[in-house]
Protein backbone atom coordinates (compact mmCIF):
# COMPACT_ATOMS: atom_id res chain seq x y z
CA MET A 1 42.69 27.12 78.32
CA PRO A 2 39.56 25.62 80.21
CA HIS A 3 37.70 22.92 79.16
CA PRO A 4 34.92 21.97 76.60
CA PRO A 5 31.87 21.52 78.01
CA ILE A 6 31.36 17.75 79.19
CA LYS A 7 27.55 16.89 77.67
CA ALA A 8 24.84 13.79 79.67
CA VAL A 9 23.54 11.34 77.82
CA ILE A 10 20.90 9.18 79.80
CA PRO A 11 19.24 6.11 77.60
CA ALA A 12 15.49 5.56 78.76
CA ALA A 13 13.92 3.65 75.95
CA GLY A 14 13.71 -0.10 77.44
CA LEU A 15 10.70 -1.71 78.20
CA GLY A 16 11.09 -2.16 81.33
CA THR A 17 9.58 -6.23 81.75
CA ARG A 18 10.93 -7.15 84.88
CA PHE A 19 8.73 -4.97 86.52
CA LEU A 20 5.94 -5.84 85.03
CA PRO A 21 2.94 -4.48 85.36
CA ALA A 22 3.95 -1.58 87.82
CA THR A 23 5.69 -0.32 83.97
CA LYS A 24 2.70 -1.44 81.52
CA ALA A 25 1.98 2.87 81.77
CA MET A 26 5.15 4.35 83.79
CA PRO A 27 8.79 3.98 82.75
CA LYS A 28 10.36 1.71 84.89
CA GLU A 29 13.56 5.29 85.09
CA MET A 30 10.14 6.76 86.83
CA LEU A 31 9.75 4.35 89.97
CA PRO A 32 10.38 5.89 93.25
CA VAL A 33 14.02 5.47 94.72
CA VAL A 34 12.27 7.10 98.38
CA ASP A 35 10.46 10.28 97.32
CA LYS A 36 12.55 10.97 93.65
CA PRO A 37 12.13 8.80 90.34
CA ALA A 38 15.65 6.67 89.38
CA ILE A 39 16.52 9.18 86.50
CA GLN A 40 16.52 12.17 89.44
CA TYR A 41 19.12 10.73 91.19
CA VAL A 42 20.98 10.61 87.22
CA VAL A 43 20.36 14.04 86.63
CA GLU A 44 21.57 14.86 90.18
CA GLU A 45 25.12 13.53 89.72
CA ALA A 46 25.58 14.64 85.42
CA ALA A 47 24.88 18.26 87.89
CA GLN A 48 27.56 18.12 90.87
CA ALA A 49 29.47 16.63 88.46
CA GLY A 50 29.20 20.17 86.27
CA ILE A 51 27.83 18.46 83.47
CA ASP A 52 24.44 21.75 82.65
CA ASP A 53 23.80 19.83 79.08
CA ILE A 54 21.77 16.55 79.22
CA LEU A 55 19.42 13.94 76.55
CA VAL A 56 17.51 11.85 77.52
CA ILE A 57 16.75 9.17 74.58
CA ILE A 58 13.14 7.67 75.02
CA GLY A 59 10.48 5.59 73.31
CA ARG A 60 6.99 5.10 73.09
CA ASN A 61 4.81 6.10 76.64
CA LYS A 62 7.59 8.18 78.47
CA ASN A 63 6.23 11.15 79.00
CA ALA A 64 6.45 10.84 82.26
CA ILE A 65 10.08 11.64 82.24
CA SER A 66 9.65 14.69 80.62
CA ASN A 67 6.29 15.90 82.33
CA HIS A 68 8.80 15.48 85.12
CA PHE A 69 11.69 17.72 84.40
CA ASP A 70 9.69 20.16 83.46
CA SER A 71 7.78 22.92 85.26
CA VAL A 72 4.16 22.75 86.53
CA PRO A 73 2.93 26.47 87.84
CA GLU A 74 -0.15 24.81 89.34
CA LEU A 75 1.15 23.04 91.46
CA GLU A 76 4.34 25.32 92.34
CA GLU A 77 1.46 27.63 93.35
CA LYS A 78 -1.04 25.77 95.79
CA LEU A 79 2.53 24.80 97.28
CA LYS A 80 3.12 28.72 97.48
CA ASP A 81 -0.60 29.88 99.12
CA LYS A 82 0.13 26.65 101.53
CA GLY A 83 3.45 27.98 102.63
CA ASP A 84 4.13 24.21 102.24
CA THR A 85 7.77 25.44 101.45
CA ASP A 86 10.23 22.66 101.79
CA ARG A 87 7.83 19.92 98.87
CA LEU A 88 7.53 23.76 96.93
CA ARG A 89 11.31 23.76 96.80
CA ARG A 90 11.66 19.47 96.32
CA VAL A 91 9.32 20.25 93.44
CA LEU A 92 11.43 23.29 92.19
CA GLU A 93 14.98 20.84 91.69
CA SER A 94 13.91 19.03 89.79
CA SER A 95 13.18 22.28 86.80
CA ASP A 96 16.14 23.80 87.34
CA LEU A 97 18.91 20.76 87.36
CA ALA A 98 20.44 21.50 84.51
CA ASP A 99 19.11 22.36 80.16
CA ILE A 100 17.99 18.75 79.70
CA HIS A 101 16.61 17.67 75.63
CA PHE A 102 14.51 14.78 75.40
CA VAL A 103 14.74 12.76 71.11
CA ARG A 104 13.43 9.37 70.57
CA GLN A 105 14.97 6.08 70.10
CA GLY A 106 12.33 4.63 67.32
CA GLU A 107 12.48 0.44 68.40
CA PRO A 108 14.79 -0.41 71.06
CA LYS A 109 18.31 -1.70 69.19
CA GLY A 110 20.64 -2.09 71.89
CA LEU A 111 22.69 0.33 73.93
CA GLY A 112 24.77 1.07 70.88
CA HIS A 113 21.99 2.17 68.72
CA ALA A 114 20.93 4.65 71.85
CA VAL A 115 24.09 6.13 72.83
CA LEU A 116 24.10 6.47 68.33
CA ARG A 117 21.15 8.45 68.55
CA ALA A 118 22.44 11.52 70.32
CA LYS A 119 24.93 11.78 67.84
CA ALA A 120 23.17 15.05 66.45
CA HIS A 121 22.84 16.81 69.82
CA VAL A 122 26.50 16.00 71.10
CA GLY A 123 27.54 17.32 67.69
CA ASP A 124 31.87 17.25 68.58
CA SER A 125 31.63 17.04 72.48
CA SER A 126 32.82 14.72 74.58
CA PHE A 127 29.76 13.45 76.36
CA ALA A 128 28.93 11.08 79.40
CA VAL A 129 26.41 8.07 79.05
CA MET A 130 24.99 7.34 82.26
CA LEU A 131 22.90 4.26 82.68
CA GLY A 132 19.90 4.50 85.55
CA ASP A 133 20.11 1.29 86.45
CA ASP A 134 23.19 2.18 88.32
CA LEU A 135 22.78 4.90 91.36
CA ILE A 136 25.95 6.09 92.41
CA ASP A 137 25.88 7.02 96.42
CA GLU A 138 26.22 11.68 95.78
CA ARG A 139 28.16 10.41 99.06
CA ASP A 140 31.40 8.82 96.32
CA GLU A 141 33.38 10.84 93.82
CA LEU A 142 33.00 8.76 89.97
CA LEU A 143 32.21 10.51 87.49
CA THR A 144 34.39 13.57 88.78
CA THR A 145 37.23 10.93 88.63
CA MET A 146 36.57 9.83 84.98
CA ILE A 147 36.26 13.12 83.52
CA GLU A 148 39.07 13.82 84.65
CA GLU A 149 40.76 10.68 83.55
CA HIS A 150 39.36 10.97 79.21
CA ARG A 151 40.56 14.92 79.62
CA ARG A 152 43.88 13.83 80.48
CA THR A 153 44.40 10.47 77.87
CA GLY A 154 41.70 11.54 75.04
CA ALA A 155 40.68 7.60 75.66
CA ALA A 156 37.38 6.41 76.44
CA VAL A 157 36.51 5.58 80.19
CA ILE A 158 34.54 3.04 81.54
CA ALA A 159 33.46 2.12 85.27
CA LEU A 160 34.09 -1.26 86.48
CA MET A 161 33.68 -2.78 89.60
CA GLU A 162 34.76 -5.63 91.83
CA VAL A 163 32.19 -8.33 91.94
CA PRO A 164 31.76 -11.80 92.59
CA GLN A 165 32.65 -14.26 90.59
CA THR A 166 28.87 -16.03 91.23
CA HIS A 167 27.30 -12.58 89.85
CA ILE A 168 30.44 -11.87 86.94
CA HIS A 169 28.03 -13.48 84.43
CA LEU A 170 25.63 -11.10 84.83
CA TYR A 171 28.40 -8.70 83.24
CA GLY A 172 30.42 -6.71 80.83
CA VAL A 173 33.26 -8.25 82.25
CA ALA A 174 36.79 -6.17 81.24
CA SER A 175 40.53 -7.28 80.32
CA ALA A 176 42.52 -4.86 82.71
CA GLU A 177 46.59 -3.95 83.33
CA PRO A 178 47.31 -1.72 86.28
CA THR A 179 48.65 1.56 85.45
CA GLU A 180 50.55 3.97 87.61
CA HIS A 181 48.52 6.02 88.45
CA ASP A 182 45.63 4.13 91.78
CA GLY A 183 42.17 3.29 90.80
CA ILE A 184 42.77 3.54 87.08
CA VAL A 185 43.65 0.55 84.73
CA LYS A 186 44.45 0.41 80.99
CA VAL A 187 41.67 -2.20 79.35
CA ASN A 188 42.70 -4.16 77.00
CA GLY A 189 39.47 -5.97 75.96
CA LEU A 190 35.70 -6.16 77.26
CA VAL A 191 34.16 -9.38 77.21
CA GLU A 192 30.29 -9.52 77.23
CA LYS A 193 29.21 -11.44 80.24
CA PRO A 194 31.72 -14.62 80.11
CA SER A 195 31.25 -17.80 82.61
CA ALA A 196 33.28 -17.96 85.47
CA GLU A 197 35.61 -20.23 83.75
CA ASP A 198 36.45 -17.32 81.48
CA ALA A 199 36.26 -14.27 82.90
CA PRO A 200 39.73 -12.24 82.36
CA SER A 201 38.92 -10.67 85.57
CA ASN A 202 36.25 -9.74 88.28
CA LEU A 203 36.30 -6.20 86.41
CA ALA A 204 32.46 -5.18 86.09
CA ILE A 205 31.02 -2.27 83.74
CA ILE A 206 28.68 -0.80 85.11
CA GLY A 207 26.75 2.16 84.18
CA ARG A 208 28.93 4.84 83.22
CA TYR A 209 30.91 5.43 79.93
CA VAL A 210 33.11 9.29 79.16
CA LEU A 211 33.52 9.08 74.92
CA SER A 212 34.46 10.81 72.85
CA PRO A 213 32.63 11.62 69.85
CA ALA A 214 34.49 9.29 67.57
CA VAL A 215 32.35 5.79 69.10
CA PHE A 216 30.02 7.73 66.99
CA ASP A 217 31.61 6.25 63.10
CA ILE A 218 32.45 3.46 65.24
CA LEU A 219 28.65 2.46 66.51
CA GLU A 220 27.95 3.89 62.55
CA ARG A 221 29.24 0.26 60.87
CA THR A 222 29.05 -2.16 64.14
CA GLU A 223 26.97 -4.82 63.18
CA PRO A 224 24.26 -6.38 65.76
CA GLY A 225 25.14 -8.88 68.11
CA LYS A 226 23.83 -11.25 71.05
CA GLY A 227 20.06 -10.19 71.14
CA GLY A 228 20.17 -8.71 67.85
CA GLU A 229 21.60 -5.70 69.56
CA ILE A 230 23.89 -2.81 68.33
CA GLN A 231 26.24 -2.94 71.00
CA LEU A 232 28.09 -0.50 72.95
CA THR A 233 30.68 -2.78 74.57
CA ASP A 234 31.42 -4.26 70.43
CA ALA A 235 31.99 -0.44 69.77
CA LEU A 236 34.15 -0.13 72.76
CA GLN A 237 36.69 -3.22 72.04
CA GLU A 238 37.37 -1.90 68.63
CA LEU A 239 39.46 1.37 70.79
CA ALA A 240 40.62 -0.87 72.67
CA ALA A 241 42.22 -2.56 70.59
CA ASP A 242 43.08 0.13 68.11
CA PRO A 243 47.31 0.50 68.62
CA ASP A 244 47.35 4.22 67.31
CA GLY A 245 44.18 5.58 69.03
CA PRO A 246 44.64 6.33 72.53
CA GLY A 247 42.93 3.66 73.90
CA VAL A 248 40.16 2.76 76.62
CA TYR A 249 40.75 3.06 80.43
CA GLY A 250 38.25 2.06 83.48
CA VAL A 251 37.89 3.97 86.96
CA VAL A 252 37.56 1.48 90.10
CA PHE A 253 34.71 2.47 92.03
CA ARG A 254 34.99 1.28 95.35
CA GLY A 255 31.89 2.99 97.05
CA ARG A 256 28.03 2.71 97.00
CA ARG A 257 26.36 1.78 94.17
CA TYR A 258 22.93 1.12 94.32
CA ASP A 259 21.50 -1.57 92.19
CA THR A 260 17.79 -0.78 90.66
CA GLY A 261 17.51 -3.32 88.25
CA ASP A 262 15.72 -6.06 89.52
CA ARG A 263 12.92 -6.34 92.01
CA VAL A 264 15.20 -7.78 94.53
CA ASP A 265 18.39 -5.11 94.12
CA TYR A 266 15.54 -2.15 93.64
CA ILE A 267 14.23 -2.77 97.07
CA LYS A 268 17.55 -2.72 98.61
CA ALA A 269 18.09 0.10 97.36
CA ILE A 270 15.07 1.83 98.78
CA VAL A 271 16.11 -0.19 101.76
CA GLN A 272 19.63 0.95 101.62
CA LEU A 273 19.44 5.35 100.60
CA ALA A 274 16.45 4.78 103.38
CA VAL A 275 17.92 4.14 106.26
CA ASP A 276 21.38 6.90 105.75
CA ARG A 277 18.57 10.02 106.03
CA GLU A 278 18.70 12.16 108.42
CA ASP A 279 14.19 12.26 107.86
CA LEU A 280 14.14 8.27 107.98
CA GLY A 281 17.01 6.70 109.41
CA PRO A 282 16.78 6.63 113.01
CA ASP A 283 12.54 5.73 112.15
CA LEU A 284 13.22 2.91 110.58
CA ARG A 285 16.88 1.32 111.86
CA PRO A 286 15.00 0.31 115.12
CA TRP A 287 12.00 -1.58 112.50
CA PHE A 288 14.47 -2.87 111.02
CA LYS A 289 16.50 -4.65 113.58
CA ASP A 290 12.99 -5.74 115.50
CA PHE A 291 12.07 -7.01 111.94
CA ALA A 292 15.12 -8.60 110.78
CA ALA A 293 15.23 -10.01 114.85
CA ASN A 294 11.83 -11.56 114.04
CA LEU A 295 12.28 -13.51 110.42
């Protein structure tokens, strides 16, 4: 029997205050990473994993996101008339990636609340939650492995990455034990942004989750936690602690991840992606070497 299709949910209702004033009128998800907005990388990742039904959770002043994935006939016609087939192809790609829907979160009450807003659209389907702050290199496999593990176990599956102890306080951290499958761990508990001394491991949660619709019932009764927000981590903790449920598993990712969550890491992400591009790398790499040599 074929597996039922997986949907994707992309929360994009945050205010982007770390990037002000650039995000005063522009959603942070639309900030360019080289020559594509950050959110397009996430949608492309979902499409490459075989997901063609995507719900984006937006807030006020986020219409630029829906406009980006819509068709723009006048622009397409101008590019066609100019014979600019390369740019026309790239413009059309963003409109043809998937069937993209939008729903408003209202006021931002945390990641758990944003995920809960997807309940009506998701229905009885399993779904991936994909955060736009974490860009996963298209050459490295993550989401497909997570979907396979979810289908094998029926469990919630989270993406984990080993991080230095000096950075552990910035993440949710998993208490986990190995399984018989390489790169897969059984999650026993989760701690939100612990100190280095209190962290149960160096396995940090990064912004990919594959969940069953059972998580909605938990989120509906989850009380606001840290910062007065409904935390997805709290719901995952309950799933991990349930002795009668399928539990929570983690896929340990060792590939290339680009963090666009703050200004320095955003710039690093642009540099890392640009130097690997065939059309940009040959000019950029020698320039960077000269620039670094003169610092």
